[in-house]
Protein backbone atom coordinates (compact mmCIF):
# COMPACT_ATOMS: atom_id res chain seq x y z
CA UNK A 1 76.96 122.77 76.25
CA UNK A 2 79.82 121.18 74.27
CA UNK A 3 81.09 118.27 76.36
CA UNK A 4 82.70 115.90 73.85
CA UNK A 5 85.95 115.85 71.86
CA UNK A 6 85.42 116.98 68.27
CA UNK A 7 87.30 116.12 65.10
CA UNK A 8 88.75 119.11 63.29
CA UNK A 9 88.57 119.85 59.58
CA UNK A 10 91.69 121.85 58.79
CA UNK A 11 92.93 124.02 55.95
CA UNK A 12 96.09 123.69 53.87
CA UNK A 13 98.41 126.56 52.93
CA UNK A 14 100.01 125.79 49.56
CA UNK A 15 103.01 128.14 49.59
CA UNK A 16 105.68 127.65 46.93
CA UNK A 17 108.29 126.48 49.45
CA UNK A 18 106.17 123.53 50.59
CA UNK A 19 106.46 119.80 49.99
CA UNK A 20 104.51 117.75 47.47
CA UNK A 21 104.54 114.65 49.68
CA UNK A 22 105.02 115.24 53.44
CA UNK A 23 101.64 116.56 54.64
CA UNK A 24 99.87 114.46 52.01
CA UNK A 25 101.44 111.30 53.44
CA UNK A 26 100.54 112.30 57.01
CA UNK A 27 96.90 112.80 56.00
CA UNK A 28 96.84 109.68 53.80
CA UNK A 29 95.77 111.50 50.64
CA UNK A 30 97.02 111.50 47.07
CA UNK A 31 99.52 114.21 46.24
CA UNK A 32 99.71 116.24 43.07
CA UNK A 33 102.00 118.95 41.75
CA UNK A 34 100.83 121.47 44.35
CA UNK A 35 103.29 122.01 47.23
CA UNK A 36 101.54 121.80 50.60
CA UNK A 37 103.47 123.95 53.03
CA UNK A 38 101.38 124.12 56.21
CA UNK A 39 98.42 122.40 57.81
CA UNK A 40 96.70 124.88 60.15
CA UNK A 41 94.86 123.77 63.28
CA UNK A 42 93.24 126.60 65.18
CA UNK A 43 91.02 129.65 64.92
CA UNK A 44 93.13 132.06 62.86
CA UNK A 45 90.65 134.14 60.81
CA UNK A 46 92.72 133.61 57.65
CA UNK A 47 92.12 129.85 57.68
CA UNK A 48 90.15 128.60 60.71
CA UNK A 49 89.57 124.93 61.40
CA UNK A 50 85.96 123.74 61.51
CA UNK A 51 83.97 121.27 63.60
CA UNK A 52 80.65 119.54 62.94
CA UNK A 53 78.07 119.86 65.74
CA UNK A 54 74.57 118.44 65.28
CA UNK A 55 75.23 118.09 61.57
CA UNK A 56 76.26 121.73 61.18
CA UNK A 57 79.78 122.71 60.15
CA UNK A 58 81.06 125.64 62.22
CA UNK A 59 84.38 127.53 61.91
CA UNK A 60 86.37 127.33 65.12
CA UNK A 61 86.86 131.08 65.41
CA UNK A 62 83.08 131.52 65.33
CA UNK A 63 82.60 128.78 67.94
CA UNK A 64 85.15 130.42 70.25
CA UNK A 65 83.41 133.79 69.90
CA UNK A 66 80.04 132.26 70.79
CA UNK A 67 81.20 130.03 73.65
CA UNK A 68 84.56 131.33 74.92
CA UNK A 69 84.27 129.97 78.47
CA UNK A 70 83.18 126.55 77.20
CA UNK A 71 85.88 126.20 74.57
CA UNK A 72 88.85 128.04 76.07
CA UNK A 73 88.08 127.85 79.79
CA UNK A 74 86.82 130.80 81.81
CA UNK A 75 90.21 132.04 82.98
CA UNK A 76 91.78 131.75 79.52
CA UNK A 77 88.82 133.54 77.96
CA UNK A 78 89.42 136.50 80.27
CA UNK A 79 93.18 136.57 79.77
CA UNK A 80 93.09 136.26 75.98
CA UNK A 81 90.04 138.40 75.29
CA UNK A 82 87.82 135.50 74.16
CA UNK A 83 90.24 134.35 71.46
CA UNK A 84 92.28 131.19 70.99
CA UNK A 85 95.82 132.39 71.76
CA UNK A 86 97.76 129.86 69.65
CA UNK A 87 98.00 128.44 66.13
CA UNK A 88 99.08 124.81 65.70
CA UNK A 89 100.69 123.70 62.43
CA UNK A 90 102.41 120.97 60.53
CA UNK A 91 105.14 122.69 58.51
CA UNK A 92 106.76 120.99 55.50
CA UNK A 93 109.64 122.99 53.97
CA UNK A 94 111.17 121.67 50.79
CA UNK A 95 112.72 125.11 50.14
CA UNK A 96 113.95 127.74 52.62
CA UNK A 97 111.60 130.16 54.33
CA UNK A 98 112.52 133.80 54.81
CA UNK A 99 114.93 135.12 57.45
CA UNK A 100 112.64 136.79 59.97
CA UNK A 101 111.93 137.90 63.51
CA UNK A 102 108.73 138.60 65.43
CA UNK A 103 107.93 141.53 67.73
CA UNK A 104 107.35 141.49 71.47
CA UNK A 105 103.98 142.65 72.81
CA UNK A 106 104.93 146.31 73.27
CA UNK A 107 106.37 146.64 69.76
CA UNK A 108 103.45 144.76 68.20
CA UNK A 109 100.88 147.00 69.88
CA UNK A 110 102.73 150.18 68.89
CA UNK A 111 103.38 149.03 65.32
CA UNK A 112 99.79 147.88 64.80
CA UNK A 113 98.41 151.21 66.03
CA UNK A 114 100.89 153.22 63.94
CA UNK A 115 100.01 151.40 60.71
CA UNK A 116 96.29 151.73 61.50
CA UNK A 117 96.76 155.47 61.85
CA UNK A 118 98.46 155.49 58.45
CA UNK A 119 95.39 153.70 56.99
CA UNK A 120 97.47 150.81 55.68
CA UNK A 121 95.05 147.96 54.84
CA UNK A 122 95.46 144.86 57.02
CA UNK A 123 96.08 142.70 53.95
CA UNK A 124 98.47 145.13 52.22
CA UNK A 125 101.66 143.33 51.09
CA UNK A 126 103.84 146.07 52.61
CA UNK A 127 102.14 146.00 56.01
CA UNK A 128 104.36 144.74 58.88
CA UNK A 129 101.91 144.55 61.79
CA UNK A 130 98.63 142.74 61.08
CA UNK A 131 97.62 142.40 64.73
CA UNK A 132 98.73 143.73 68.15
CA UNK A 133 100.16 140.43 69.42
CA UNK A 134 103.66 139.04 69.97
CA UNK A 135 104.60 135.79 68.24
CA UNK A 136 106.75 133.38 70.27
CA UNK A 137 106.92 129.95 68.65
CA UNK A 138 108.31 126.44 69.03
CA UNK A 139 109.32 124.08 66.24
CA UNK A 140 109.64 120.33 66.84
CA UNK A 141 111.10 118.03 64.18
CA UNK A 142 109.04 115.17 62.78
CA UNK A 143 111.88 114.45 60.36
CA UNK A 144 115.42 115.90 60.38
CA UNK A 145 114.91 119.66 60.27
CA UNK A 146 117.46 122.37 59.42
CA UNK A 147 117.17 125.98 60.58
CA UNK A 148 119.15 129.04 61.60
CA UNK A 149 118.44 130.43 65.05
CA UNK A 150 119.95 133.54 66.65
CA UNK A 151 123.29 135.25 66.14
CA UNK A 152 126.54 133.39 66.53
CA UNK A 153 129.13 134.80 68.94
CA UNK A 154 131.27 137.44 67.26
CA UNK A 155 134.39 135.24 67.12
CA UNK A 156 132.44 132.52 65.28
CA UNK A 157 131.10 135.03 62.76
CA UNK A 158 134.63 136.34 62.18
CA UNK A 159 135.90 132.81 61.59
CA UNK A 160 133.30 132.10 58.91
CA UNK A 161 133.61 135.51 57.24
CA UNK A 162 137.40 135.11 57.05
CA UNK A 163 136.98 131.60 55.63
CA UNK A 164 134.36 132.27 52.98
CA UNK A 165 134.24 136.00 52.31
CA UNK A 166 137.46 137.72 53.43
CA UNK A 167 137.49 140.24 50.58
CA UNK A 168 133.97 141.63 50.35
CA UNK A 169 133.36 141.46 54.11
CA UNK A 170 136.71 142.83 55.25
CA UNK A 171 135.10 145.86 56.89
CA UNK A 172 132.59 143.69 58.77
CA UNK A 173 135.42 141.47 60.01
CA UNK A 174 137.20 144.55 61.33
CA UNK A 175 134.00 145.77 63.03
CA UNK A 176 133.62 142.54 64.94
CA UNK A 177 137.29 142.34 65.94
CA UNK A 178 137.10 145.86 67.33
CA UNK A 179 133.70 145.41 69.02
CA UNK A 180 132.62 141.83 69.77
CA UNK A 181 129.58 142.50 71.96
CA UNK A 182 125.92 143.00 70.99
CA UNK A 183 126.60 146.50 69.69
CA UNK A 184 129.27 145.18 67.34
CA UNK A 185 127.04 142.40 66.02
CA UNK A 186 124.25 144.91 65.43
CA UNK A 187 126.62 147.24 63.59
CA UNK A 188 127.81 144.32 61.45
CA UNK A 189 124.28 143.23 60.56
CA UNK A 190 123.16 146.76 59.73
CA UNK A 191 126.11 147.12 57.37
CA UNK A 192 125.21 143.86 55.62
CA UNK A 193 121.58 144.69 54.93
CA UNK A 194 122.45 148.24 53.83
CA UNK A 195 125.14 147.20 51.36
CA UNK A 196 124.57 148.35 47.76
CA UNK A 197 122.99 145.70 45.54
CA UNK A 198 126.14 145.12 43.49
CA UNK A 199 128.20 144.65 46.66
CA UNK A 200 125.70 142.12 47.97
CA UNK A 201 125.96 140.16 44.74
CA UNK A 202 129.75 140.25 44.86
CA UNK A 203 129.79 139.06 48.48
CA UNK A 204 127.46 136.18 47.66
CA UNK A 205 129.56 135.23 44.63
CA UNK A 206 132.78 135.22 46.67
CA UNK A 207 131.27 133.21 49.51
CA UNK A 208 129.62 130.66 47.20
CA UNK A 209 132.81 130.10 45.20
CA UNK A 210 134.88 129.49 48.33
CA UNK A 211 132.10 127.46 49.97
CA UNK A 212 132.05 125.06 47.02
CA UNK A 213 135.58 124.03 48.06
CA UNK A 214 134.80 123.77 51.78
CA UNK A 215 133.52 120.64 53.53
CA UNK A 216 131.09 121.92 56.18
CA UNK A 217 127.32 122.15 56.58
CA UNK A 218 127.55 125.97 56.68
CA UNK A 219 129.36 126.00 53.35
CA UNK A 220 126.90 123.57 51.80
CA UNK A 221 123.99 125.82 52.72
CA UNK A 222 125.70 128.95 51.38
CA UNK A 223 126.03 127.19 48.03
CA UNK A 224 122.43 125.97 48.05
CA UNK A 225 121.01 129.34 49.02
CA UNK A 226 123.15 131.21 46.47
CA UNK A 227 121.60 129.20 43.63
CA UNK A 228 118.14 130.40 44.61
CA UNK A 229 118.92 133.94 45.83
CA UNK A 230 122.14 135.10 44.12
CA UNK A 231 121.49 138.78 44.90
CA UNK A 232 120.39 138.33 48.53
CA UNK A 233 122.83 138.92 51.39
CA UNK A 234 120.66 136.54 53.41
CA UNK A 235 122.55 133.75 51.61
CA UNK A 236 125.25 134.33 54.22
CA UNK A 237 122.90 133.68 57.17
CA UNK A 238 124.51 130.28 58.00
CA UNK A 239 127.71 132.24 58.68
CA UNK A 240 126.32 134.82 61.11
CA UNK A 241 123.39 132.85 62.58
CA UNK A 242 123.57 129.50 64.37
CA UNK A 243 122.97 126.65 61.93
CA UNK A 244 120.96 123.94 63.66
CA UNK A 245 119.90 120.43 62.68
CA UNK A 246 117.00 119.11 64.75
CA UNK A 247 116.58 115.35 64.97
CA UNK A 248 113.05 113.91 65.30
CA UNK A 249 111.31 114.78 68.61
CA UNK A 250 113.85 117.56 69.28
CA UNK A 251 112.55 121.13 69.42
CA UNK A 252 113.69 124.72 69.81
CA UNK A 253 111.89 127.75 71.16
CA UNK A 254 112.00 131.12 69.40
CA UNK A 255 111.15 134.08 71.65
CA UNK A 256 110.20 137.47 70.19
CA UNK A 257 113.17 139.24 68.65
CA UNK A 258 115.07 136.05 67.74
CA UNK A 259 116.29 136.08 64.13
CA UNK A 260 115.64 132.74 62.45
CA UNK A 261 114.81 130.91 59.25
CA UNK A 262 113.58 127.41 58.54
CA UNK A 263 115.65 125.93 55.73
CA UNK A 264 114.42 122.37 55.22
CA UNK A 265 112.40 119.65 56.88
CA UNK A 266 109.06 118.62 58.37
CA UNK A 267 108.03 119.69 61.84
CA UNK A 268 105.31 120.54 64.31
CA UNK A 269 105.08 124.31 64.78
CA UNK A 270 103.17 125.97 67.59
CA UNK A 271 102.99 129.75 67.90
CA UNK A 272 101.01 132.59 69.36
CA UNK A 273 98.04 133.36 67.10
CA UNK A 274 99.71 136.29 65.38
CA UNK A 275 100.64 137.12 61.80
CA UNK A 276 103.38 139.67 62.54
CA UNK A 277 106.53 138.88 60.54
CA UNK A 278 109.50 141.21 59.95
CA UNK A 279 111.56 139.76 57.10
CA UNK A 280 115.25 140.23 56.39
CA UNK A 281 115.99 138.14 53.31
CA UNK A 282 115.59 134.90 51.36
CA UNK A 283 112.17 135.98 50.16
CA UNK A 284 110.31 137.70 47.36
CA UNK A 285 107.91 139.22 49.90
CA UNK A 286 108.11 142.63 51.53
CA UNK A 287 111.37 143.31 53.40
CA UNK A 288 111.52 146.30 55.75
CA UNK A 289 115.07 146.44 57.07
CA UNK A 290 114.44 149.37 59.40
CA UNK A 291 111.39 147.74 60.99
CA UNK A 292 113.34 144.50 61.37
CA UNK A 293 116.16 146.29 63.18
CA UNK A 294 113.64 147.63 65.71
CA UNK A 295 112.64 144.13 66.87
CA UNK A 296 115.78 142.00 66.51
CA UNK A 297 117.87 141.08 69.55
CA UNK A 298 121.60 140.92 68.89
CA UNK A 299 122.68 138.82 71.84
CA UNK A 300 124.29 135.41 71.20
CA UNK A 301 122.74 132.87 73.57
CA UNK A 302 123.49 129.19 72.92
CA UNK A 303 120.74 127.40 71.04
CA UNK A 304 118.80 125.40 73.60
CA UNK A 305 117.68 122.12 72.04
CA UNK A 306 114.58 120.89 73.85
CA UNK A 307 113.67 117.33 74.70
CA UNK A 308 110.25 116.59 76.21
CA UNK A 309 110.17 116.21 79.98
CA UNK A 310 107.92 113.48 81.36
CA UNK A 311 104.75 114.78 83.02
CA UNK A 312 103.26 111.33 83.58
CA UNK A 313 103.47 107.87 82.02
CA UNK A 314 101.78 109.00 78.81
CA UNK A 315 102.65 112.68 78.31
CA UNK A 316 105.95 114.58 78.04
CA UNK A 317 106.13 118.37 77.70
CA UNK A 318 108.54 120.76 75.99
CA UNK A 319 109.45 123.42 78.54
CA UNK A 320 109.13 127.05 77.41
CA UNK A 321 108.07 130.31 79.03
CA UNK A 322 105.31 131.06 76.49
CA UNK A 323 102.10 132.34 78.09
CA UNK A 324 99.92 131.42 75.12
CA UNK A 325 100.63 127.70 74.70
CA UNK A 326 102.51 124.58 75.60
CA UNK A 327 103.50 121.64 73.38
CA UNK A 328 103.65 118.05 74.52
CA UNK A 329 103.89 114.57 73.02
CA UNK A 330 101.44 111.86 74.08
CA UNK A 331 102.36 108.21 73.53
CA UNK A 332 99.78 105.56 74.25
CA UNK A 333 100.20 101.79 74.41
CA UNK A 334 97.54 99.28 73.47
CA UNK A 335 97.51 97.58 76.88
CA UNK A 336 96.87 100.70 78.95
CA UNK A 337 94.57 103.71 79.06
CA UNK A 338 95.95 107.20 79.38
CA UNK A 339 93.85 109.37 81.68
CA UNK A 340 93.94 113.15 81.50
CA UNK A 341 92.90 115.49 84.30
CA UNK A 342 89.63 117.35 84.49
CA UNK A 343 91.13 120.82 84.89
CA UNK A 344 92.48 121.96 81.52
CA UNK A 345 92.03 124.67 78.92
CA UNK A 346 91.45 124.06 75.23
CA UNK A 347 93.62 121.27 73.81
CA UNK A 348 94.22 120.20 70.20
CA UNK A 349 95.70 116.76 69.59
CA UNK A 350 97.22 115.69 66.26
CA UNK A 351 97.74 111.96 65.68
CA UNK A 352 101.02 111.40 63.83
CA UNK A 353 101.12 107.63 64.14
CA UNK A 354 98.78 104.76 64.98
CA UNK A 355 95.10 104.62 65.97
CA UNK A 356 93.39 105.34 69.29
CA UNK A 357 90.04 105.96 70.93
CA UNK A 358 89.29 109.10 72.93
CA UNK A 359 86.50 108.89 75.50
CA UNK A 360 85.05 111.63 77.71
CA UNK A 361 82.24 111.10 80.20
CA UNK A 362 80.32 107.96 81.09
CA UNK A 363 77.66 107.93 78.38
CA UNK A 364 79.58 108.98 75.28
CA UNK A 365 80.82 106.73 72.50
CA UNK A 366 84.58 106.74 71.91
CA UNK A 367 85.93 108.93 69.14
CA UNK A 368 88.18 106.94 66.77
CA UNK A 369 91.31 108.88 65.83
CA UNK A 370 93.73 107.71 63.13
CA UNK A 371 97.02 109.01 61.77
CA UNK A 372 96.58 112.50 60.32
CA UNK A 373 93.41 113.31 62.28
CA UNK A 374 93.24 116.14 64.79
CA UNK A 375 90.88 116.54 67.71
CA UNK A 376 89.75 119.52 69.76
CA UNK A 377 89.23 118.90 73.47
CA UNK A 378 87.22 121.87 74.80
CA UNK A 379 87.81 122.98 78.37
CA UNK A 380 84.25 121.92 79.21
CA UNK A 381 85.03 118.27 78.45
CA UNK A 382 86.84 117.81 81.74
CA UNK A 383 88.67 114.50 82.22
CA UNK A 384 89.10 112.13 79.26
CA UNK A 385 90.89 108.92 78.31
CA UNK A 386 92.92 107.75 75.33
CA UNK A 387 93.19 104.04 74.59
CA UNK A 388 95.11 102.44 71.73
CA UNK A 389 98.59 102.50 70.26
CA UNK A 390 99.34 105.94 68.90
CA UNK A 391 101.51 109.05 69.08
CA UNK A 392 99.96 112.50 69.40
CA UNK A 393 101.34 116.02 69.55
CA UNK A 394 99.25 118.21 71.80
CA UNK A 395 98.91 121.99 71.75
CA UNK A 396 97.17 123.47 74.76
CA UNK A 397 96.51 126.63 76.73
CA UNK A 398 98.44 126.53 80.02
CA UNK A 399 96.40 126.38 83.22
CA UNK A 400 95.66 129.93 84.27
CA UNK A 401 95.14 130.99 87.86
CA UNK A 402 92.45 133.69 88.11
CA UNK A 403 93.62 137.10 89.25
CA UNK A 404 92.82 137.96 92.87
């Protein structure tokens, strides 16, 4: 029986868009010329975390398979088929990530089965669906973080197209003036991604030239993106998607179907444990425009910036409707202990500042946790305490009521 908190050993993803300093500084290690893009905490088979039990190092995905009720909690093990349903990350973007969207459950299941029937290898670069799961996610800024999130209202898109690209996008401007609802936005986006290559280049050139003379964050990003992707119509994403700057501790939730891209910054990312990504631009990876159009939603809801809501004196939670996870921030003070309830599923805590002790049970020694360390709290641990002066981000499985 595993009844104590366990330190995690996590893996780094060194994608080209990563930072050479951010994650290194969090972990307190020397950097080099390799960009560290993501620190993964979880049981994803591509890069699972590990724990040491009785001197033996065990990958977390293997531990979950062997002891699902102990690690996840009995109800969560049933609901999520004995798998950890989330992946917890630190994301450090020095360069923009691709424009993308993720499928809902129905589309993911159908797409995964279809590509299996076509005998497309799971790791094939042109494969869209690597598992049958949806991928909602939340991003919370550790430092100022810039992203695009969801389509702007039609009148806002028209304003920016008329300002920065009135010549090459004249037909798209007309489309939106004639039809300003979701159908019109979809028609506009389809026309952009299906433009001939030379027209895309001309549109980017026109927008970048005019943006260089315009004092606005949208214009600044068009210029920056055009230098890296001069032939990619995705350069114009700040004009048709909402451009958002997240201040530290502010988050946003991205449901399936929401078009988005992370442009710059360091944040905590928590997502369903899926690898399904449909890309639309700003990337050298596989882009399948038709598959992307099948999953994207073309509504224009306002971007809901999330602040954590106090749950108790120590913990505040970001409110989302994700079934697979919740994200909260835990702040402890040296003079007091923070006590956490007995009834919980698997939790992973990442210390981003300070030092604290975590204690579970009467006869166990406290686990010392410093900045950069992450800890798994299995469901079997029950109640536990944190004492010290530290800040944690916590990813956890929501409490699940058994079906009757």
